[in-house]
Protein backbone atom coordinates (compact mmCIF):
# COMPACT_ATOMS: atom_id res chain seq x y z
CA MET A 1 -232.29 -47.11 -3.29
CA ASP A 2 -230.13 -49.15 -5.66
CA SER A 3 -232.00 -49.80 -8.90
CA LEU A 4 -231.64 -53.58 -8.50
CA PHE A 5 -233.56 -53.57 -5.22
CA SER A 6 -237.33 -53.31 -5.54
CA GLU A 7 -239.39 -51.53 -2.90
CA SER A 8 -242.38 -53.88 -2.89
CA TYR A 9 -243.51 -57.33 -3.93
CA GLU A 10 -245.71 -55.76 -6.61
CA ALA A 11 -242.86 -53.70 -8.09
CA SER A 12 -240.55 -56.71 -8.07
CA ARG A 13 -243.13 -58.91 -9.78
CA ALA A 14 -243.92 -56.28 -12.43
CA ARG A 15 -240.22 -55.91 -13.25
CA PHE A 16 -239.76 -59.68 -13.45
CA LEU A 17 -242.63 -60.05 -15.91
CA LEU A 18 -241.22 -57.28 -18.12
CA ASP A 19 -237.76 -58.87 -18.06
CA CYS A 20 -239.30 -62.20 -19.03
CA GLU A 21 -240.87 -60.59 -22.10
CA ARG A 22 -237.45 -59.26 -23.05
CA LEU A 23 -235.63 -62.57 -22.60
CA ALA A 24 -238.21 -65.00 -23.94
CA PRO A 25 -237.61 -64.45 -27.70
CA MET A 26 -233.99 -65.61 -27.31
CA TRP A 27 -235.16 -69.24 -26.83
CA ALA A 28 -236.88 -71.66 -29.19
CA SER A 29 -240.04 -71.48 -27.10
CA SER A 30 -241.06 -69.93 -23.80
CA ARG A 31 -244.03 -69.51 -21.55
CA LEU A 32 -244.93 -67.62 -18.42
CA GLU A 33 -246.90 -69.50 -15.80
CA ALA A 34 -248.25 -68.61 -12.37
CA HIS A 35 -249.85 -70.12 -9.31
CA ARG A 36 -252.17 -67.77 -7.42
CA LEU A 37 -252.40 -68.47 -3.70
CA LYS A 38 -255.73 -70.05 -2.78
CA ASN A 39 -256.46 -67.64 0.07
CA PHE A 40 -254.73 -64.61 -1.47
CA PRO A 41 -255.53 -64.60 -5.21
CA ASP A 42 -253.83 -61.22 -5.66
CA LEU A 43 -250.50 -62.91 -4.81
CA SER A 44 -248.79 -65.41 -7.08
CA ILE A 45 -245.72 -67.52 -7.64
CA ASP A 46 -244.58 -66.67 -11.18
CA TRP A 47 -242.11 -68.53 -13.36
CA LEU A 48 -240.64 -68.46 -16.85
CA TRP A 49 -239.84 -71.56 -18.87
CA ALA A 50 -237.34 -70.64 -21.58
CA GLU A 51 -236.82 -73.80 -23.63
CA PRO A 52 -234.00 -74.61 -26.07
CA HIS A 53 -234.18 -76.70 -29.25
CA LYS A 54 -232.19 -79.47 -27.55
CA LYS A 55 -233.01 -79.93 -23.87
CA GLU A 56 -229.64 -80.74 -22.33
CA ASN A 57 -229.27 -78.29 -19.43
CA ILE A 58 -231.72 -76.41 -17.23
CA VAL A 59 -230.74 -73.49 -14.96
CA LEU A 60 -233.24 -72.78 -12.21
CA ILE A 61 -233.03 -69.54 -10.23
CA SER A 62 -235.53 -69.19 -7.38
CA THR A 63 -236.27 -66.45 -4.87
CA ALA A 64 -238.25 -65.65 -1.72
CA GLU A 65 -238.57 -69.11 -0.24
CA HIS A 66 -238.31 -67.02 2.91
CA GLY A 67 -240.51 -64.16 1.76
CA ILE A 68 -238.67 -61.10 3.10
CA GLU A 69 -235.43 -62.48 1.64
CA GLY A 70 -237.02 -62.08 -1.79
CA TYR A 71 -235.93 -58.46 -2.09
CA VAL A 72 -232.28 -59.42 -2.31
CA GLY A 73 -233.40 -62.46 -4.31
CA SER A 74 -235.17 -60.18 -6.77
CA ALA A 75 -231.98 -58.14 -7.18
CA MET A 76 -229.92 -61.27 -7.89
CA LEU A 77 -232.54 -62.58 -10.30
CA LYS A 78 -232.44 -59.26 -12.15
CA LEU A 79 -228.64 -59.40 -12.25
CA PHE A 80 -228.76 -62.93 -13.69
CA MET A 81 -231.36 -62.00 -16.30
CA ASP A 82 -229.45 -58.89 -17.38
CA GLU A 83 -225.85 -60.11 -17.33
CA PHE A 84 -225.83 -63.91 -17.71
CA ALA A 85 -228.99 -65.22 -19.36
CA PRO A 86 -228.26 -63.54 -22.74
CA HIS A 87 -224.86 -65.29 -22.92
CA ILE A 88 -226.00 -68.84 -22.16
CA ASN A 89 -226.17 -71.26 -25.10
CA HIS A 90 -229.84 -70.91 -26.06
CA GLU A 91 -229.71 -74.01 -28.27
CA THR A 92 -228.97 -76.49 -25.47
CA THR A 93 -229.69 -74.70 -22.18
CA GLY A 94 -233.07 -73.72 -20.83
CA LEU A 95 -234.11 -71.50 -17.95
CA LEU A 96 -236.65 -71.94 -15.21
CA LEU A 97 -236.83 -68.62 -13.34
CA VAL A 98 -239.08 -68.53 -10.28
CA HIS A 99 -240.16 -65.25 -8.73
CA ALA A 100 -241.36 -65.31 -5.10
CA ILE A 101 -241.90 -68.88 -3.88
CA ASN A 102 -243.50 -67.27 -0.81
CA PRO A 103 -245.28 -64.18 -2.18
CA TRP A 104 -247.30 -63.60 1.00
CA GLY A 105 -244.13 -63.47 3.07
CA MET A 106 -242.43 -61.19 0.55
CA LYS A 107 -245.35 -58.75 0.47
CA HIS A 108 -245.64 -58.61 4.25
CA HIS A 109 -241.89 -58.75 4.97
CA LYS A 110 -242.07 -62.07 6.84
CA ARG A 111 -239.90 -65.15 6.47
CA VAL A 112 -242.84 -67.51 6.89
CA THR A 113 -246.06 -68.10 4.97
CA SER A 114 -249.51 -66.93 6.03
CA ASN A 115 -249.76 -70.30 7.85
CA HIS A 116 -246.61 -69.46 9.82
CA VAL A 117 -244.63 -72.20 8.03
CA ASP A 118 -240.95 -71.93 7.22
CA LEU A 119 -240.89 -73.39 3.71
CA ASN A 120 -237.26 -74.46 3.96
CA ARG A 121 -238.30 -76.80 6.77
CA ASN A 122 -241.30 -78.10 4.78
CA PHE A 123 -239.54 -80.08 1.99
CA ILE A 124 -239.69 -83.36 3.94
CA TYR A 125 -238.97 -85.96 1.27
CA ASP A 126 -240.96 -88.86 2.73
CA GLY A 127 -243.86 -86.64 3.81
CA VAL A 128 -243.53 -87.69 7.47
CA PHE A 129 -243.70 -84.51 9.53
CA SER A 130 -242.54 -86.02 12.79
CA PRO A 131 -242.97 -84.04 16.03
CA GLN A 132 -240.11 -86.18 17.35
CA ILE A 133 -237.38 -84.45 15.37
CA ASN A 134 -235.37 -81.81 17.21
CA PRO A 135 -235.94 -82.91 20.82
CA ALA A 136 -233.60 -80.09 21.91
CA TYR A 137 -236.35 -77.61 21.00
CA ASP A 138 -238.44 -78.68 23.99
CA THR A 139 -235.63 -77.95 26.43
CA LEU A 140 -235.47 -74.33 25.22
CA LEU A 141 -239.17 -73.76 24.56
CA ASP A 142 -239.66 -70.94 27.07
CA PHE A 143 -236.57 -69.19 25.72
CA LEU A 144 -237.40 -69.59 22.03
CA SER A 145 -241.14 -68.96 22.24
CA PRO A 146 -242.06 -66.38 24.93
CA ASP A 147 -245.82 -66.02 25.40
CA HIS A 148 -246.14 -62.36 26.46
CA PRO A 149 -246.36 -59.08 24.51
CA VAL A 150 -243.05 -57.58 23.46
CA ARG A 151 -241.82 -54.73 25.60
CA SER A 152 -239.22 -52.28 24.31
CA LEU A 153 -236.09 -53.73 22.71
CA SER A 154 -234.00 -52.48 25.63
CA ALA A 155 -236.34 -54.10 28.18
CA GLU A 156 -236.19 -57.45 26.36
CA THR A 157 -232.42 -57.48 25.86
CA LEU A 158 -231.17 -58.13 29.40
CA PRO A 159 -233.33 -61.20 30.08
CA PHE A 160 -232.59 -62.53 26.59
CA TYR A 161 -228.82 -62.39 27.08
CA ALA A 162 -229.05 -63.77 30.61
CA ASN A 163 -230.93 -66.81 29.30
CA ALA A 164 -228.74 -67.10 26.19
CA ILE A 165 -225.56 -67.23 28.29
CA ARG A 166 -227.13 -69.77 30.63
CA TYR A 167 -228.12 -72.05 27.75
CA MET A 168 -224.78 -71.60 26.00
CA VAL A 169 -223.20 -73.12 29.10
CA SER A 170 -225.75 -75.92 29.36
CA PRO A 171 -226.90 -77.64 27.18
CA GLY A 172 -224.24 -75.81 25.12
CA LYS A 173 -223.90 -73.72 21.96
CA ALA A 174 -224.33 -76.67 19.57
CA LYS A 175 -227.62 -77.69 21.19
CA VAL A 176 -228.91 -74.11 21.15
CA GLN A 177 -228.12 -73.90 17.44
CA GLU A 178 -229.73 -77.26 16.73
CA ALA A 179 -232.86 -76.43 18.74
CA THR A 180 -233.23 -73.12 16.93
CA LEU A 181 -232.29 -73.80 13.31
CA LEU A 182 -232.93 -77.47 12.55
CA GLY A 183 -236.69 -76.99 12.26
CA GLN A 184 -239.55 -78.44 14.28
CA HIS A 185 -243.07 -79.83 13.75
CA ARG A 186 -244.59 -79.50 17.20
CA ASP A 187 -245.00 -75.80 18.06
CA ALA A 188 -247.15 -74.09 15.44
CA GLN A 189 -246.38 -70.67 16.92
CA GLY A 190 -242.69 -71.34 17.37
CA VAL A 191 -239.63 -70.34 15.36
CA TYR A 192 -238.62 -72.41 12.31
CA TYR A 193 -241.92 -74.29 12.28
CA GLY A 194 -241.95 -76.72 9.35
CA GLY A 195 -245.69 -77.44 9.35
CA MET A 196 -247.51 -80.77 9.55
CA GLU A 197 -248.21 -81.17 5.84
CA TYR A 198 -246.89 -79.93 2.52
CA GLN A 199 -247.78 -76.30 1.87
CA GLU A 200 -249.23 -75.23 -1.48
CA GLU A 201 -246.04 -73.27 -2.22
CA THR A 202 -243.95 -76.38 -1.57
CA ILE A 203 -246.14 -78.50 -3.85
CA VAL A 204 -245.74 -75.98 -6.70
CA LEU A 205 -241.95 -76.20 -6.48
CA MET A 206 -241.96 -79.99 -6.18
CA GLU A 207 -243.93 -80.23 -9.42
CA LEU A 208 -241.54 -77.86 -11.18
CA TYR A 209 -238.55 -79.92 -10.02
CA ARG A 210 -240.10 -83.13 -11.25
CA GLN A 211 -240.88 -81.62 -14.65
CA ALA A 212 -237.39 -80.15 -15.05
CA LEU A 213 -235.67 -83.40 -14.06
CA ALA A 214 -237.88 -85.38 -16.43
CA GLU A 215 -237.01 -83.21 -19.43
CA TYR A 216 -233.34 -82.24 -18.95
CA GLN A 217 -230.18 -84.25 -18.37
CA ASN A 218 -228.34 -81.62 -16.33
CA PHE A 219 -230.11 -79.65 -13.60
CA ILE A 220 -228.52 -76.63 -11.88
CA GLN A 221 -230.37 -74.60 -9.25
CA VAL A 222 -229.47 -71.45 -7.32
CA ASP A 223 -231.87 -70.42 -4.55
CA ILE A 224 -231.32 -66.98 -2.98
CA HIS A 225 -231.29 -66.38 0.80
CA THR A 226 -230.15 -63.70 3.25
CA GLY A 227 -229.43 -63.45 6.95
CA TYR A 228 -226.69 -65.92 7.89
CA GLY A 229 -222.91 -65.68 7.54
CA PRO A 230 -220.26 -62.97 7.24
CA ARG A 231 -221.70 -59.51 6.61
CA TYR A 232 -219.63 -58.69 3.55
CA GLN A 233 -219.10 -62.15 2.05
CA MET A 234 -221.88 -64.19 0.50
CA SER A 235 -221.67 -67.94 1.14
CA VAL A 236 -222.49 -70.55 -1.50
CA ILE A 237 -224.18 -73.34 0.45
CA ILE A 238 -224.45 -76.94 -0.79
CA PRO A 239 -226.69 -79.74 0.54
CA PRO A 240 -224.84 -82.56 2.30
CA LEU A 241 -226.01 -85.07 -0.35
CA ASP A 242 -223.88 -83.38 -3.00
CA PRO A 243 -220.60 -85.35 -3.24
CA THR A 244 -218.48 -82.23 -3.81
CA SER A 245 -216.59 -81.01 -0.74
CA SER A 246 -216.64 -77.32 0.10
CA SER A 247 -212.92 -76.98 -0.65
CA GLU A 248 -213.36 -78.68 -4.04
CA ALA A 249 -216.30 -76.40 -4.84
CA MET A 250 -214.30 -73.29 -3.97
CA ARG A 251 -211.64 -74.30 -6.47
CA LYS A 252 -214.14 -75.43 -9.09
CA PHE A 253 -216.21 -72.23 -8.92
CA ASN A 254 -213.29 -69.89 -8.21
CA TYR A 255 -215.30 -68.55 -5.28
CA PRO A 256 -213.88 -67.84 -1.80
CA LEU A 257 -216.59 -69.21 0.52
CA VAL A 258 -218.51 -72.46 -0.03
CA GLN A 259 -220.06 -74.40 2.86
CA LYS A 260 -221.93 -77.66 3.26
CA ILE A 261 -225.33 -77.45 4.98
CA ASP A 262 -224.38 -79.40 8.08
CA ALA A 263 -223.58 -78.72 11.71
CA ASP A 264 -219.81 -78.61 11.07
CA GLU A 265 -219.68 -75.97 8.33
CA PHE A 266 -223.03 -74.15 8.26
CA TYR A 267 -225.94 -75.57 10.23
CA ALA A 268 -228.14 -78.64 9.82
CA ILE A 269 -231.64 -78.29 8.34
CA SER A 270 -234.51 -80.78 8.30
CA GLY A 271 -236.82 -80.29 5.32
CA ASP A 272 -234.33 -78.36 3.20
CA MET A 273 -235.27 -77.66 -0.43
CA GLY A 274 -231.86 -78.56 -1.79
CA GLU A 275 -231.76 -81.92 -0.04
CA TYR A 276 -235.23 -82.69 -1.43
CA ILE A 277 -233.97 -82.18 -4.99
CA TYR A 278 -231.16 -84.71 -4.53
CA ARG A 279 -233.50 -87.25 -2.93
CA LEU A 280 -236.00 -86.80 -5.75
CA ARG A 281 -233.26 -87.32 -8.32
CA ASP A 282 -231.96 -90.44 -6.58
CA ALA A 283 -235.44 -91.98 -6.30
CA GLU A 284 -236.99 -91.12 -9.67
CA PHE A 285 -234.29 -89.80 -12.06
CA PRO A 286 -231.06 -91.61 -11.14
CA SER A 287 -229.42 -90.99 -14.52
CA LYS A 288 -229.71 -87.20 -14.24
CA ASN A 289 -226.98 -84.83 -13.07
CA VAL A 290 -227.91 -82.39 -10.30
CA PHE A 291 -226.21 -79.46 -8.67
CA ALA A 292 -228.35 -77.45 -6.26
CA CYS A 293 -227.02 -74.65 -4.10
CA GLY A 294 -228.04 -71.54 -2.24
CA PHE A 295 -226.58 -68.07 -2.16
CA GLU A 296 -226.63 -66.95 1.49
CA PHE A 297 -225.94 -63.23 1.95
CA GLY A 298 -224.90 -62.58 5.56
CA THR A 299 -226.26 -59.43 7.17
CA TYR A 300 -225.54 -58.99 10.89
CA GLY A 301 -222.30 -60.98 10.63
CA ASP A 302 -220.97 -64.28 11.94
CA SER A 303 -219.41 -63.29 15.27
CA LEU A 304 -221.01 -64.67 18.44
CA PRO A 305 -222.57 -61.28 19.33
CA ALA A 306 -223.98 -61.03 15.79
CA LEU A 307 -225.40 -64.55 15.95
CA LEU A 308 -227.02 -63.80 19.30
CA ARG A 309 -228.48 -60.58 17.92
CA SER A 310 -229.92 -62.53 14.99
CA LEU A 311 -231.44 -65.09 17.35
CA GLN A 312 -232.92 -62.34 19.53
CA MET A 313 -234.56 -60.60 16.57
CA THR A 314 -235.93 -63.92 15.29
CA ILE A 315 -237.51 -64.61 18.67
CA LEU A 316 -238.82 -61.06 19.13
CA GLU A 317 -240.39 -60.84 15.67
CA ASN A 318 -242.10 -64.19 16.22
CA GLN A 319 -243.25 -63.07 19.67
CA LEU A 320 -244.56 -59.81 18.23
CA ARG A 321 -246.55 -61.62 15.55
CA HIS A 322 -248.30 -63.90 18.01
CA HIS A 323 -248.58 -61.77 21.15
CA GLY A 324 -248.30 -58.16 20.01
CA ALA A 325 -246.32 -55.35 21.65
CA VAL A 326 -246.98 -53.09 24.59
CA SER A 327 -246.66 -50.00 22.39
CA PRO A 328 -246.47 -48.95 18.72
CA ARG A 329 -242.94 -47.70 19.37
CA ALA A 330 -241.82 -51.16 20.55
CA GLU A 331 -243.36 -52.76 17.46
CA LYS A 332 -241.69 -50.24 15.16
CA GLU A 333 -238.20 -50.75 16.57
CA ILE A 334 -238.47 -54.55 16.43
CA LEU A 335 -239.66 -54.54 12.83
CA ALA A 336 -236.94 -52.06 11.79
CA ASP A 337 -234.18 -54.28 13.17
CA TYR A 338 -235.81 -57.37 11.67
CA GLU A 339 -235.85 -55.70 8.24
CA GLU A 340 -232.12 -54.99 8.50
CA MET A 341 -231.50 -58.67 9.24
CA PHE A 342 -232.70 -59.63 5.75
CA LEU A 343 -232.46 -56.47 3.66
CA PRO A 344 -229.65 -54.18 4.83
CA SER A 345 -230.03 -50.57 3.76
CA GLU A 346 -226.29 -49.86 3.71
CA ALA A 347 -225.04 -48.96 0.22
CA LYS A 348 -221.70 -50.70 0.85
CA TRP A 349 -223.49 -53.96 1.72
CA ARG A 350 -225.65 -53.83 -1.39
CA LYS A 351 -222.70 -53.11 -3.66
CA LYS A 352 -220.73 -56.03 -2.22
CA ALA A 353 -223.75 -58.32 -2.51
CA GLN A 354 -223.95 -57.58 -6.21
CA MET A 355 -220.23 -58.26 -6.65
CA ASP A 356 -220.49 -61.58 -4.82
CA GLY A 357 -223.61 -62.66 -6.71
CA ARG A 358 -221.94 -61.82 -10.01
CA LEU A 359 -218.77 -63.73 -9.12
CA ALA A 360 -220.67 -66.82 -7.94
CA PHE A 361 -223.00 -66.94 -10.95
CA LYS A 362 -220.00 -66.70 -13.26
CA GLY A 363 -218.07 -69.41 -11.43
CA ILE A 364 -220.94 -71.90 -11.27
CA LEU A 365 -222.05 -71.39 -14.87
CA LYS A 366 -218.48 -71.67 -16.22
CA ALA A 367 -217.80 -74.77 -14.13
CA HIS A 368 -220.83 -76.43 -15.76
CA ASN A 369 -219.75 -75.25 -19.24
CA LEU A 370 -222.78 -73.01 -19.62
CA LEU A 371 -220.88 -69.80 -20.47
């Protein structure tokens, strides 16, 4: 396994804490902080504040909002700490490095929290978790949330594709995508469930955002994700509230693929972390400058067959978690494919991911005059 990619949550956390000890003396002051999960005190969200003499800029790197995606996130965080953090101006630029927003999900190789909440559908700015959003979800409920034990992958594939083709015709591909990915607050056992209240992990990040925006004039965040987009080309994704167009951002960052988080370029999300940051800035810190983005490392690919495969594995893993499988073999094959959807084992993929992460970090930091 590539040395950047940790094999467990515990190994990733231990490495992060050691790297923090190495980096911390470069700044005027620093401190490590942690939030232990209330129901799992052996698991924690950990973060480093590295503070400059003059608090002008803050760079926030965060990982594992979707727990299983934290393994690639950990690799990118390590790359940033090794190759970029030492070269940032330590007199004017601080760091806020967050390891494992969703440590339970990272440890257990799940996207969601122990409460089955997708944290990137939980950052609802006004705190109104309306069951009325995403009415398209109800029309596809039987398809998206089967209520029987998983059979073998081969046995589940034919009915899945038969239903997928039927729904692609009517109500249509756009509605299927909206129903699946937007997020929903009505089916607690369904896919992309955003919860009915703020989760403790969400509250921790909200408090960190507020503190960073209060203390620094310029706020730059990169949050690391995997699973969606071209297999060998990471996408930089930008919330729709950012005024920069994707084409402008590609030129500005000298990076080949930047997309807005909307139905036209990427897909729409309700309760997105990045959108929350912009809304918080607009409401409470209007004089501050914000740029928040995500790195999205595609895995299966972006062709229609790849997108359908991704949807099938999302549904099957969710079905497995709530209803079990008819055999250990069926469970094993589902979980193996699910793992590949967020942490590909292919050496070529991992090498390209590192190249893309390096190129995007360099472009964003240089564009903000931080290198």
